[in-house]
Amino acid sequence: MSSKADGGEPHGGHAGAHAYREAGVDLEAAAAAVDLIREVAAGATRPEVATGVGGFAGLYRIGGGRLLAAGADGVGTKTEIARMSGRLDTIGIDLVAMCANDVVCTGAEPLFFLDYLAVEHVVPEGVSTIVSGVAEGCRRAGCALLGGETAEHPGVMEPGRFDLAGFCVGVVKEETVLDPSTVEEGDTLIGLASTGLHSNGYSLVRQALLDSGKYGLGDTVEGLGRSLADEILEPTAIYAPLVVELVRNGLVKSAAHITGGGLEANIPRALPEGLGAELDTSTWEVPPIFELLQREAHLDDDEMRSTFNCGLGMVVAVEPSKVEEVVTRTRETGVPAWSVGRVEAGSGVRFV
């Protein structure tokens, strides 16, 4: 269980907070809210709870050496881009990805998914199109779409506006739970390629690219090779089946889903106290959309890395002897992967 801001984990005190605040999202306030929520949630628990608020997903013991992993998330203001473009068929894939990718960071296989769709007024064809995307996301994640809720909010939401939230539950054997405490100095960090922006930072994306009037969604932007709408509505990659397979083969120690807060906030969540990460920025390919955003939003490298995934949608920690096998297995599934850094003494993430 965790609290989200703009479709990702809130994180305070980093360089990107200022730029994001100007776009209307206060990450430091979101981080403070999570601290308060953690205190409240501590009073609503059961003995079976293994981990609660603060992780990528919560863990709950169900006996027989198994645990349920559960996570909830949304797609933030990417829904507004979908509405503006009139393209509602892929936003549901993003929703499943944001939840299933969090759940698999525990090593759990996603089992089922539920969605919540809020609309100003139910238009059956529109609701069906959105939910068809959710169903496609579930197929990609290998889980069942078990149910959901569609709510009408007349007089509260503006016509055409909608919001999406999702809830994913998975299962993992206790002996295969991914545990940051098992990560050691010298372990290798492998980055799995993102499919672009994924579902984070869209308030800043809208401000820098669309609200400025410099670009339209239908524009083919130099360097992208396709329309801006095609680029920024590209569905979030779903890594769950791949990571589950790596876990079953004992190849991964911990995993970080790179969501809100970017590389700087999320990689440390997969590491134990007293250890940090060194990332070599020359080792992976950065999609051109990030270069466009950095230029148009006037962001420095630190702000980019603390807001966006910058081309890495998931980072896993592995023993050095297993790097070649992990990279090979990952690339065989069609997902580009690179050895991007190592675990070192200290804290945070250092870029070289």
Foldseek 3Di string as FASTA:
>chain_A
DEDDWQFHHADDDFPQQVLVVVLPTRSNVRVVVLVVVVVVCVVVDDPQWPDDYDALWTWGDDDPQKIKTKDKTWLGCVQVLCLVVVNQQARLLLQLQSTLVSRCLFLFQWAEKEKEKEAQDDDPVNVVNNVNNVCVNCVLSVYYHPYYYYHHDHPPDDHSDMTMMMMIMTMDGNVLTQAQVPFDFFWFKKFWFWLAQRRFDVSLVCVLAPVVPPFDQQDDDPQQRHGNSCRSSPHTDRCNVVSNVCSVVVFFRGKWFQHAQAPQPTVLSSHDPQKEKEFEVVWDDFRCVLVVSCVRSVHDPRSSRGGGNRTGRMMTTGHPVRVVVSQVSSVVVVIHMTRTTTMHGDYTYHYD
